[in-house]
Amino acid sequence: MLSRVLLEGGARTNARFLAGGLVDEISLLLFPAIGGHTGSQTLFAAGAEGLARQVHLSMLSTAVRQGGVVHLRYRVT
């Protein structure tokens, strides 16, 4: 049985796993760079209904890493 899986899918795959209750933590790294391209992908694409009513996040930790990278960890409830 798997106890830990790293999901690095696209926005739709990420949203499907979240909606299915298969994600217990989100680890997000923010890099100090700005792309700003029109049509850039989001982390989660769940259509017009979104995920706000299905998924709630609570902060587990924050840390600043080398090069100004910010690491955010959230518990999914």
PDB file of N, CA and C in Angstrom:
ATOM      1  N   MET A   1       0.836  -1.179   0.000  1.00  0.00           N
ATOM      2  CA  MET A   1       0.000   0.000   0.000  1.00  0.00           C
ATOM      3  C   MET A   1       0.885   1.247   0.000  1.00  0.00           C
ATOM      4  N   LEU A   2       0.511   2.240  -0.769  1.00  0.00           N
ATOM      5  CA  LEU A   2       1.255   3.493  -0.829  1.00  0.00           C
ATOM      6  C   LEU A   2       0.883   4.378   0.350  1.00  0.00           C
ATOM      7  N   SER A   3       1.873   4.980   0.974  1.00  0.00           N
ATOM      8  CA  SER A   3       1.588   5.900   2.061  1.00  0.00           C
ATOM      9  C   SER A   3       1.890   7.342   1.678  1.00  0.00           C
ATOM     10  N   ARG A   4       2.686   7.527   0.612  1.00  0.00           N
ATOM     11  CA  ARG A   4       3.035   8.874   0.172  1.00  0.00           C
ATOM     12  C   ARG A   4       3.186   8.888  -1.338  1.00  0.00           C
ATOM     13  N   VAL A   5       2.538   9.874  -1.980  1.00  0.00           N
ATOM     14  CA  VAL A   5       2.620  10.033  -3.428  1.00  0.00           C
ATOM     15  C   VAL A   5       2.827  11.506  -3.729  1.00  0.00           C
ATOM     16  N   LEU A   6       3.740  11.807  -4.640  1.00  0.00           N
ATOM     17  CA  LEU A   6       3.961  13.171  -5.087  1.00  0.00           C
ATOM     18  C   LEU A   6       3.181  13.359  -6.382  1.00  0.00           C
ATOM     19  N   LEU A   7       2.220  14.270  -6.371  1.00  0.00           N
ATOM     20  CA  LEU A   7       1.402  14.550  -7.551  1.00  0.00           C
ATOM     21  C   LEU A   7       1.925  15.821  -8.199  1.00  0.00           C
ATOM     22  N   GLU A   8       2.376  15.711  -9.428  1.00  0.00           N
ATOM     23  CA  GLU A   8       2.861  16.866 -10.179  1.00  0.00           C
ATOM     24  C   GLU A   8       2.099  16.971 -11.491  1.00  0.00           C
ATOM     25  N   GLY A   9       0.797  16.898 -11.393  1.00  0.00           N
ATOM     26  CA  GLY A   9      -0.040  16.945 -12.575  1.00  0.00           C
ATOM     27  C   GLY A   9      -0.295  18.361 -13.042  1.00  0.00           C
ATOM     28  N   GLY A  10      -1.062  18.459 -14.087  1.00  0.00           N
ATOM     29  CA  GLY A  10      -1.511  19.757 -14.549  1.00  0.00           C
ATOM     30  C   GLY A  10      -2.693  20.219 -13.716  1.00  0.00           C
ATOM     31  N   ALA A  11      -3.219  21.378 -14.051  1.00  0.00           N
ATOM     32  CA  ALA A  11      -4.298  21.990 -13.276  1.00  0.00           C
ATOM     33  C   ALA A  11      -5.531  21.096 -13.195  1.00  0.00           C
ATOM     34  N   ARG A  12      -5.901  20.431 -14.269  1.00  0.00           N
ATOM     35  CA  ARG A  12      -7.088  19.558 -14.259  1.00  0.00           C
ATOM     36  C   ARG A  12      -6.856  18.312 -13.414  1.00  0.00           C
ATOM     37  N   THR A  13      -5.687  17.699 -13.570  1.00  0.00           N
ATOM     38  CA  THR A  13      -5.371  16.504 -12.781  1.00  0.00           C
ATOM     39  C   THR A  13      -5.335  16.851 -11.299  1.00  0.00           C
ATOM     40  N   ASN A  14      -4.678  17.962 -10.951  1.00  0.00           N
ATOM     41  CA  ASN A  14      -4.635  18.392  -9.555  1.00  0.00           C
ATOM     42  C   ASN A  14      -6.037  18.584  -8.992  1.00  0.00           C
ATOM     43  N   ALA A  15      -6.902  19.243  -9.745  1.00  0.00           N
ATOM     44  CA  ALA A  15      -8.271  19.492  -9.291  1.00  0.00           C
ATOM     45  C   ALA A  15      -9.048  18.196  -9.112  1.00  0.00           C
ATOM     46  N   ARG A  16      -8.871  17.253 -10.000  1.00  0.00           N
ATOM     47  CA  ARG A  16      -9.587  15.976  -9.894  1.00  0.00           C
ATOM     48  C   ARG A  16      -9.167  15.202  -8.648  1.00  0.00           C
ATOM     49  N   PHE A  17      -7.885  15.188  -8.355  1.00  0.00           N
ATOM     50  CA  PHE A  17      -7.415  14.519  -7.141  1.00  0.00           C
ATOM     51  C   PHE A  17      -7.963  15.213  -5.893  1.00  0.00           C
ATOM     52  N   LEU A  18      -7.961  16.551  -5.895  1.00  0.00           N
ATOM     53  CA  LEU A  18      -8.523  17.291  -4.763  1.00  0.00           C
ATOM     54  C   LEU A  18     -10.007  16.991  -4.585  1.00  0.00           C
ATOM     55  N   ALA A  19     -10.765  17.096  -5.665  1.00  0.00           N
ATOM     56  CA  ALA A  19     -12.212  16.848  -5.605  1.00  0.00           C
ATOM     57  C   ALA A  19     -12.517  15.424  -5.171  1.00  0.00           C
ATOM     58  N   GLY A  20     -11.636  14.493  -5.484  1.00  0.00           N
ATOM     59  CA  GLY A  20     -11.834  13.101  -5.105  1.00  0.00           C
ATOM     60  C   GLY A  20     -11.404  12.781  -3.682  1.00  0.00           C
ATOM     61  N   GLY A  21     -10.941  13.791  -2.950  1.00  0.00           N
ATOM     62  CA  GLY A  21     -10.524  13.574  -1.572  1.00  0.00           C
ATOM     63  C   GLY A  21      -9.220  12.808  -1.444  1.00  0.00           C
ATOM     64  N   LEU A  22      -8.385  12.860  -2.470  1.00  0.00           N
ATOM     65  CA  LEU A  22      -7.151  12.083  -2.484  1.00  0.00           C
ATOM     66  C   LEU A  22      -5.910  12.894  -2.119  1.00  0.00           C
ATOM     67  N   VAL A  23      -6.096  14.147  -1.748  1.00  0.00           N
ATOM     68  CA  VAL A  23      -4.968  15.008  -1.384  1.00  0.00           C
ATOM     69  C   VAL A  23      -5.125  15.419   0.068  1.00  0.00           C
ATOM     70  N   ASP A  24      -4.087  15.191   0.883  1.00  0.00           N
ATOM     71  CA  ASP A  24      -4.170  15.613   2.290  1.00  0.00           C
ATOM     72  C   ASP A  24      -3.250  16.790   2.596  1.00  0.00           C
ATOM     73  N   GLU A  25      -2.337  17.105   1.675  1.00  0.00           N
ATOM     74  CA  GLU A  25      -1.435  18.238   1.894  1.00  0.00           C
ATOM     75  C   GLU A  25      -1.021  18.846   0.561  1.00  0.00           C
ATOM     76  N   ILE A  26      -0.903  20.175   0.558  1.00  0.00           N
ATOM     77  CA  ILE A  26      -0.383  20.895  -0.605  1.00  0.00           C
ATOM     78  C   ILE A  26       0.902  21.585  -0.179  1.00  0.00           C
ATOM     79  N   SER A  27       1.966  21.334  -0.914  1.00  0.00           N
ATOM     80  CA  SER A  27       3.259  21.965  -0.685  1.00  0.00           C
ATOM     81  C   SER A  27       3.527  22.855  -1.891  1.00  0.00           C
ATOM     82  N   LEU A  28       3.618  24.148  -1.655  1.00  0.00           N
ATOM     83  CA  LEU A  28       3.711  25.115  -2.744  1.00  0.00           C
ATOM     84  C   LEU A  28       4.998  25.927  -2.594  1.00  0.00           C
ATOM     85  N   LEU A  29       5.781  25.972  -3.654  1.00  0.00           N
ATOM     86  CA  LEU A  29       7.008  26.764  -3.668  1.00  0.00           C
ATOM     87  C   LEU A  29       6.799  27.972  -4.574  1.00  0.00           C
ATOM     88  N   LEU A  30       7.015  29.165  -4.026  1.00  0.00           N
ATOM     89  CA  LEU A  30       6.895  30.400  -4.796  1.00  0.00           C
ATOM     90  C   LEU A  30       8.287  30.930  -5.093  1.00  0.00           C
ATOM     91  N   PHE A  31       8.585  31.078  -6.371  1.00  0.00           N
ATOM     92  CA  PHE A  31       9.896  31.555  -6.793  1.00  0.00           C
ATOM     93  C   PHE A  31       9.818  33.052  -7.095  1.00  0.00           C
ATOM     94  N   PRO A  32      10.860  33.807  -6.754  1.00  0.00           N
ATOM     95  CA  PRO A  32      10.844  35.258  -6.966  1.00  0.00           C
ATOM     96  C   PRO A  32      11.096  35.635  -8.426  1.00  0.00           C
ATOM     97  N   ALA A  33      10.113  35.331  -9.259  1.00  0.00           N
ATOM     98  CA  ALA A  33      10.175  35.676 -10.682  1.00  0.00           C
ATOM     99  C   ALA A  33       8.742  35.901 -11.159  1.00  0.00           C
ATOM    100  N   ILE A  34       8.579  36.758 -12.149  1.00  0.00           N
ATOM    101  CA  ILE A  34       7.246  37.059 -12.665  1.00  0.00           C
ATOM    102  C   ILE A  34       7.205  36.711 -14.143  1.00  0.00           C
ATOM    103  N   GLY A  35       6.285  35.793 -14.502  1.00  0.00           N
ATOM    104  CA  GLY A  35       6.099  35.429 -15.901  1.00  0.00           C
ATOM    105  C   GLY A  35       5.071  36.335 -16.540  1.00  0.00           C
ATOM    106  N   GLY A  36       3.846  36.303 -15.998  1.00  0.00           N
ATOM    107  CA  GLY A  36       2.780  37.176 -16.448  1.00  0.00           C
ATOM    108  C   GLY A  36       2.258  36.920 -17.841  1.00  0.00           C
ATOM    109  N   HIS A  37       2.481  35.729 -18.382  1.00  0.00           N
ATOM    110  CA  HIS A  37       2.006  35.422 -19.723  1.00  0.00           C
ATOM    111  C   HIS A  37       0.485  35.282 -19.747  1.00  0.00           C
ATOM    112  N   THR A  38      -0.151  35.840 -20.756  1.00  0.00           N
ATOM    113  CA  THR A  38      -1.583  35.677 -20.943  1.00  0.00           C
ATOM    114  C   THR A  38      -1.891  34.205 -21.151  1.00  0.00           C
ATOM    115  N   GLY A  39      -2.925  33.711 -20.482  1.00  0.00           N
ATOM    116  CA  GLY A  39      -3.307  32.313 -20.629  1.00  0.00           C
ATOM    117  C   GLY A  39      -2.477  31.365 -19.783  1.00  0.00           C
ATOM    118  N   SER A  40      -1.732  31.890 -18.819  1.00  0.00           N
ATOM    119  CA  SER A  40      -0.924  31.035 -17.950  1.00  0.00           C
ATOM    120  C   SER A  40      -1.810  30.060 -17.203  1.00  0.00           C
ATOM    121  N   GLN A  41      -1.290  28.864 -16.966  1.00  0.00           N
ATOM    122  CA  GLN A  41      -2.032  27.826 -16.256  1.00  0.00           C
ATOM    123  C   GLN A  41      -2.175  28.163 -14.772  1.00  0.00           C
ATOM    124  N   THR A  42      -3.249  27.694 -14.182  1.00  0.00           N
ATOM    125  CA  THR A  42      -3.433  27.792 -12.750  1.00  0.00           C
ATOM    126  C   THR A  42      -3.002  26.470 -12.125  1.00  0.00           C
ATOM    127  N   LEU A  43      -2.963  26.411 -10.814  1.00  0.00           N
ATOM    128  CA  LEU A  43      -2.619  25.160 -10.129  1.00  0.00           C
ATOM    129  C   LEU A  43      -3.763  24.165 -10.165  1.00  0.00           C
ATOM    130  N   PHE A  44      -5.003  24.691 -10.120  1.00  0.00           N
ATOM    131  CA  PHE A  44      -6.189  23.836 -10.076  1.00  0.00           C
ATOM    132  C   PHE A  44      -7.240  24.396 -11.018  1.00  0.00           C
ATOM    133  N   ALA A  45      -7.699  23.596 -11.972  1.00  0.00           N
ATOM    134  CA  ALA A  45      -8.739  24.006 -12.908  1.00  0.00           C
ATOM    135  C   ALA A  45      -9.917  23.055 -12.738  1.00  0.00           C
ATOM    136  N   ALA A  46     -10.972  23.547 -12.099  1.00  0.00           N
ATOM    137  CA  ALA A  46     -12.114  22.690 -11.785  1.00  0.00           C
ATOM    138  C   ALA A  46     -13.396  23.160 -12.465  1.00  0.00           C
ATOM    139  N   GLY A  47     -13.274  23.969 -13.487  1.00  0.00           N
ATOM    140  CA  GLY A  47     -14.460  24.418 -14.203  1.00  0.00           C
ATOM    141  C   GLY A  47     -15.177  25.534 -13.483  1.00  0.00           C
ATOM    142  N   ALA A  48     -16.368  25.860 -13.963  1.00  0.00           N
ATOM    143  CA  ALA A  48     -17.130  26.987 -13.430  1.00  0.00           C
ATOM    144  C   ALA A  48     -17.522  26.805 -11.964  1.00  0.00           C
ATOM    145  N   GLU A  49     -17.721  25.564 -11.531  1.00  0.00           N
ATOM    146  CA  GLU A  49     -18.144  25.333 -10.143  1.00  0.00           C
ATOM    147  C   GLU A  49     -17.019  25.512  -9.137  1.00  0.00           C
ATOM    148  N   GLY A  50     -15.770  25.381  -9.572  1.00  0.00           N
ATOM    149  CA  GLY A  50     -14.630  25.551  -8.678  1.00  0.00           C
ATOM    150  C   GLY A  50     -14.566  24.499  -7.583  1.00  0.00           C
ATOM    151  N   LEU A  51     -13.679  24.713  -6.631  1.00  0.00           N
ATOM    152  CA  LEU A  51     -13.477  23.751  -5.547  1.00  0.00           C
ATOM    153  C   LEU A  51     -13.718  24.362  -4.168  1.00  0.00           C
ATOM    154  N   ALA A  52     -14.054  25.643  -4.097  1.00  0.00           N
ATOM    155  CA  ALA A  52     -14.151  26.344  -2.811  1.00  0.00           C
ATOM    156  C   ALA A  52     -15.128  25.689  -1.837  1.00  0.00           C
ATOM    157  N   ARG A  53     -16.184  25.091  -2.326  1.00  0.00           N
ATOM    158  CA  ARG A  53     -17.169  24.451  -1.428  1.00  0.00           C
ATOM    159  C   ARG A  53     -16.762  23.039  -1.033  1.00  0.00           C
ATOM    160  N   GLN A  54     -15.795  22.464  -1.738  1.00  0.00           N
ATOM    161  CA  GLN A  54     -15.380  21.084  -1.485  1.00  0.00           C
ATOM    162  C   GLN A  54     -14.084  20.982  -0.700  1.00  0.00           C
ATOM    163  N   VAL A  55     -13.196  21.943  -0.888  1.00  0.00           N
ATOM    164  CA  VAL A  55     -11.845  21.843  -0.341  1.00  0.00           C
ATOM    165  C   VAL A  55     -11.538  23.066   0.519  1.00  0.00           C
ATOM    166  N   HIS A  56     -11.031  22.825   1.714  1.00  0.00           N
ATOM    167  CA  HIS A  56     -10.620  23.907   2.610  1.00  0.00           C
ATOM    168  C   HIS A  56      -9.171  23.660   3.006  1.00  0.00           C
ATOM    169  N   LEU A  57      -8.409  24.740   3.134  1.00  0.00           N
ATOM    170  CA  LEU A  57      -6.996  24.635   3.445  1.00  0.00           C
ATOM    171  C   LEU A  57      -6.694  25.285   4.791  1.00  0.00           C
ATOM    172  N   SER A  58      -5.791  24.680   5.555  1.00  0.00           N
ATOM    173  CA  SER A  58      -5.291  25.301   6.778  1.00  0.00           C
ATOM    174  C   SER A  58      -3.766  25.275   6.723  1.00  0.00           C
ATOM    175  N   MET A  59      -3.161  26.380   7.130  1.00  0.00           N
ATOM    176  CA  MET A  59      -1.712  26.532   7.050  1.00  0.00           C
ATOM    177  C   MET A  59      -1.008  25.582   8.006  1.00  0.00           C
ATOM    178  N   LEU A  60      -0.029  24.848   7.477  1.00  0.00           N
ATOM    179  CA  LEU A  60       0.817  23.985   8.303  1.00  0.00           C
ATOM    180  C   LEU A  60       2.131  24.683   8.627  1.00  0.00           C
ATOM    181  N   SER A  61       2.759  25.296   7.605  1.00  0.00           N
ATOM    182  CA  SER A  61       4.033  25.975   7.847  1.00  0.00           C
ATOM    183  C   SER A  61       4.378  26.899   6.697  1.00  0.00           C
ATOM    184  N   THR A  62       5.260  27.837   6.994  1.00  0.00           N
ATOM    185  CA  THR A  62       5.845  28.713   5.982  1.00  0.00           C
ATOM    186  C   THR A  62       7.342  28.783   6.251  1.00  0.00           C
ATOM    187  N   ALA A  63       8.120  28.907   5.197  1.00  0.00           N
ATOM    188  CA  ALA A  63       9.566  29.026   5.349  1.00  0.00           C
ATOM    189  C   ALA A  63      10.141  29.746   4.143  1.00  0.00           C
ATOM    190  N   VAL A  64      11.139  30.561   4.388  1.00  0.00           N
ATOM    191  CA  VAL A  64      11.864  31.207   3.302  1.00  0.00           C
ATOM    192  C   VAL A  64      13.125  30.381   3.063  1.00  0.00           C
ATOM    193  N   ARG A  65      13.317  29.975   1.828  1.00  0.00           N
ATOM    194  CA  ARG A  65      14.451  29.128   1.439  1.00  0.00           C
ATOM    195  C   ARG A  65      15.502  29.956   0.694  1.00  0.00           C
ATOM    196  N   GLN A  66      16.554  29.293   0.299  1.00  0.00           N
ATOM    197  CA  GLN A  66      17.647  29.933  -0.441  1.00  0.00           C
ATOM    198  C   GLN A  66      17.116  30.635  -1.692  1.00  0.00           C
ATOM    199  N   GLY A  67      17.644  31.805  -1.985  1.00  0.00           N
ATOM    200  CA  GLY A  67      17.269  32.542  -3.185  1.00  0.00           C
ATOM    201  C   GLY A  67      15.928  33.241  -3.088  1.00  0.00           C
ATOM    202  N   GLY A  68      15.367  33.344  -1.886  1.00  0.00           N
ATOM    203  CA  GLY A  68      14.079  34.014  -1.708  1.00  0.00           C
ATOM    204  C   GLY A  68      12.876  33.161  -2.026  1.00  0.00           C
ATOM    205  N   VAL A  69      13.071  31.869  -2.232  1.00  0.00           N
ATOM    206  CA  VAL A  69      11.948  30.955  -2.475  1.00  0.00           C
ATOM    207  C   VAL A  69      11.129  30.834  -1.185  1.00  0.00           C
ATOM    208  N   VAL A  70       9.815  30.918  -1.306  1.00  0.00           N
ATOM    209  CA  VAL A  70       8.925  30.772  -0.156  1.00  0.00           C
ATOM    210  C   VAL A  70       8.221  29.426  -0.260  1.00  0.00           C
ATOM    211  N   HIS A  71       8.310  28.632   0.805  1.00  0.00           N
ATOM    212  CA  HIS A  71       7.682  27.305   0.847  1.00  0.00           C
ATOM    213  C   HIS A  71       6.465  27.389   1.755  1.00  0.00           C
ATOM    214  N   LEU A  72       5.306  27.140   1.183  1.00  0.00           N
ATOM    215  CA  LEU A  72       4.037  27.139   1.916  1.00  0.00           C
ATOM    216  C   LEU A  72       3.497  25.724   1.969  1.00  0.00           C
ATOM    217  N   ARG A  73       3.067  25.282   3.146  1.00  0.00           N
ATOM    218  CA  ARG A  73       2.464  23.961   3.294  1.00  0.00           C
ATOM    219  C   ARG A  73       1.072  24.117   3.895  1.00  0.00           C
ATOM    220  N   TYR A  74       0.105  23.463   3.258  1.00  0.00           N
ATOM    221  CA  TYR A  74      -1.287  23.520   3.696  1.00  0.00           C
ATOM    222  C   TYR A  74      -1.838  22.120   3.911  1.00  0.00           C
ATOM    223  N   ARG A  75      -2.627  21.936   4.942  1.00  0.00           N
ATOM    224  CA  ARG A  75      -3.395  20.720   5.178  1.00  0.00           C
ATOM    225  C   ARG A  75      -4.702  20.886   4.425  1.00  0.00           C
ATOM    226  N   VAL A  76      -5.117  19.870   3.691  1.00  0.00           N
ATOM    227  CA  VAL A  76      -6.399  19.883   2.978  1.00  0.00           C
ATOM    228  C   VAL A  76      -7.440  19.226   3.867  1.00  0.00           C
ATOM    229  N   THR A  77      -8.554  19.919   4.097  1.00  0.00           N
ATOM    230  CA  THR A  77      -9.639  19.359   4.917  1.00  0.00           C
ATOM    231  C   THR A  77     -10.944  19.395   4.165  1.00  0.00           C
TER     232      THR A  77
END
